[in-house]
Amino acid sequence: MAIEHPQQMTVQEYFQLEENDLTTCYEYLLLDGKSPRIEIYHKEQGKGIYGAFEKQQEIPLFSLGVYFPLLDAYLDVEVEPGV
């Protein structure tokens, strides 16, 4: 049976709603459109874990077991000057 979700909710609300359902979203990324910053939420032992990354950091994709440079996510994207 599918769980119905409200149209808008915070990431924390989403993971709280889904924390007992391991068949749904395991991990997702939020990319900032104005500066090179990525937020990651993933499940670890049934709990939502948050991580924030900026500039030259490597980004872990726990669900795939890989890392990639944060700036690779921003190829061909113009960010605000001075960032």
Protein backbone atom coordinates (compact mmCIF):
# COMPACT_ATOMS: atom_id res chain seq x y z
CA MET A 1 0.00 0.00 0.00
CA ALA A 2 1.43 3.40 -1.00
CA ILE A 3 1.78 6.13 1.59
CA GLU A 4 0.19 9.44 0.59
CA HIS A 5 2.41 12.47 1.06
CA PRO A 6 1.39 16.09 1.53
CA GLN A 7 2.25 18.31 -1.45
CA GLN A 8 4.92 20.18 0.50
CA MET A 9 7.05 19.02 3.41
CA THR A 10 10.52 19.50 4.75
CA VAL A 11 13.17 16.89 4.17
CA GLN A 12 13.09 16.04 7.88
CA GLU A 13 9.31 15.55 7.72
CA TYR A 14 9.74 13.27 4.71
CA PHE A 15 12.29 11.06 6.41
CA GLN A 16 10.20 10.93 9.58
CA LEU A 17 7.22 9.80 7.52
CA GLU A 18 9.28 7.23 5.65
CA GLU A 19 11.63 6.04 8.42
CA ASN A 20 9.93 2.67 8.77
CA ASP A 21 9.50 2.09 5.05
CA LEU A 22 12.86 0.96 3.68
CA THR A 23 11.44 0.42 0.18
CA THR A 24 11.24 4.15 -0.57
CA CYS A 25 13.77 6.93 -1.06
CA TYR A 26 17.16 5.91 0.32
CA GLU A 27 19.04 9.04 -0.58
CA TYR A 28 18.61 12.38 -2.26
CA LEU A 29 20.58 15.52 -3.01
CA LEU A 30 19.60 19.18 -3.02
CA LEU A 31 21.77 21.42 -5.20
CA ASP A 32 21.86 25.13 -4.46
CA GLY A 33 21.13 27.12 -7.60
CA LYS A 34 23.05 30.22 -6.50
CA SER A 35 26.27 28.83 -5.06
CA PRO A 36 28.23 25.56 -5.17
CA ARG A 37 26.58 23.83 -2.23
CA ILE A 38 24.95 20.41 -1.99
CA GLU A 39 22.89 18.97 0.84
CA ILE A 40 22.49 15.20 1.07
CA TYR A 41 19.95 13.19 3.01
CA HIS A 42 20.28 9.44 3.26
CA LYS A 43 19.02 6.62 5.41
CA GLU A 44 21.35 4.81 7.74
CA GLN A 45 19.96 2.09 9.99
CA GLY A 46 16.44 3.44 9.43
CA LYS A 47 17.26 7.04 10.35
CA GLY A 48 17.62 10.12 8.14
CA ILE A 49 21.19 11.48 8.05
CA TYR A 50 22.01 14.99 6.81
CA GLY A 51 25.24 16.26 5.25
CA ALA A 52 26.18 19.62 3.69
CA PHE A 53 29.07 20.10 1.29
CA GLU A 54 30.61 23.20 -0.31
CA LYS A 55 33.23 24.25 -2.84
CA GLN A 56 36.03 21.71 -3.39
CA GLN A 57 34.63 18.82 -1.35
CA GLU A 58 33.90 15.33 -2.63
CA ILE A 59 30.27 14.26 -2.46
CA PRO A 60 29.46 10.73 -1.28
CA LEU A 61 26.61 8.86 -2.91
CA PHE A 62 26.04 6.23 -0.26
CA SER A 63 23.45 4.33 -2.29
CA LEU A 64 25.99 3.79 -5.10
CA GLY A 65 29.17 3.60 -3.01
CA VAL A 66 30.89 6.34 -5.03
CA TYR A 67 32.23 9.88 -4.58
CA PHE A 68 32.37 12.76 -7.05
CA PRO A 69 33.76 16.32 -6.89
CA LEU A 70 31.06 18.80 -5.90
CA LEU A 71 32.02 21.14 -8.73
CA ASP A 72 31.25 18.39 -11.27
CA ALA A 73 27.57 18.86 -10.40
CA TYR A 74 27.89 22.48 -11.48
CA LEU A 75 29.46 22.00 -14.91
CA ASP A 76 27.81 24.44 -17.34
CA VAL A 77 26.04 26.23 -14.45
CA GLU A 78 26.68 29.91 -13.74
CA VAL A 79 26.77 30.75 -10.04
CA GLU A 80 26.76 34.18 -8.43
CA PRO A 81 30.08 36.09 -8.64
CA GLY A 82 32.36 35.90 -5.62
CA VAL A 83 31.21 32.43 -4.62
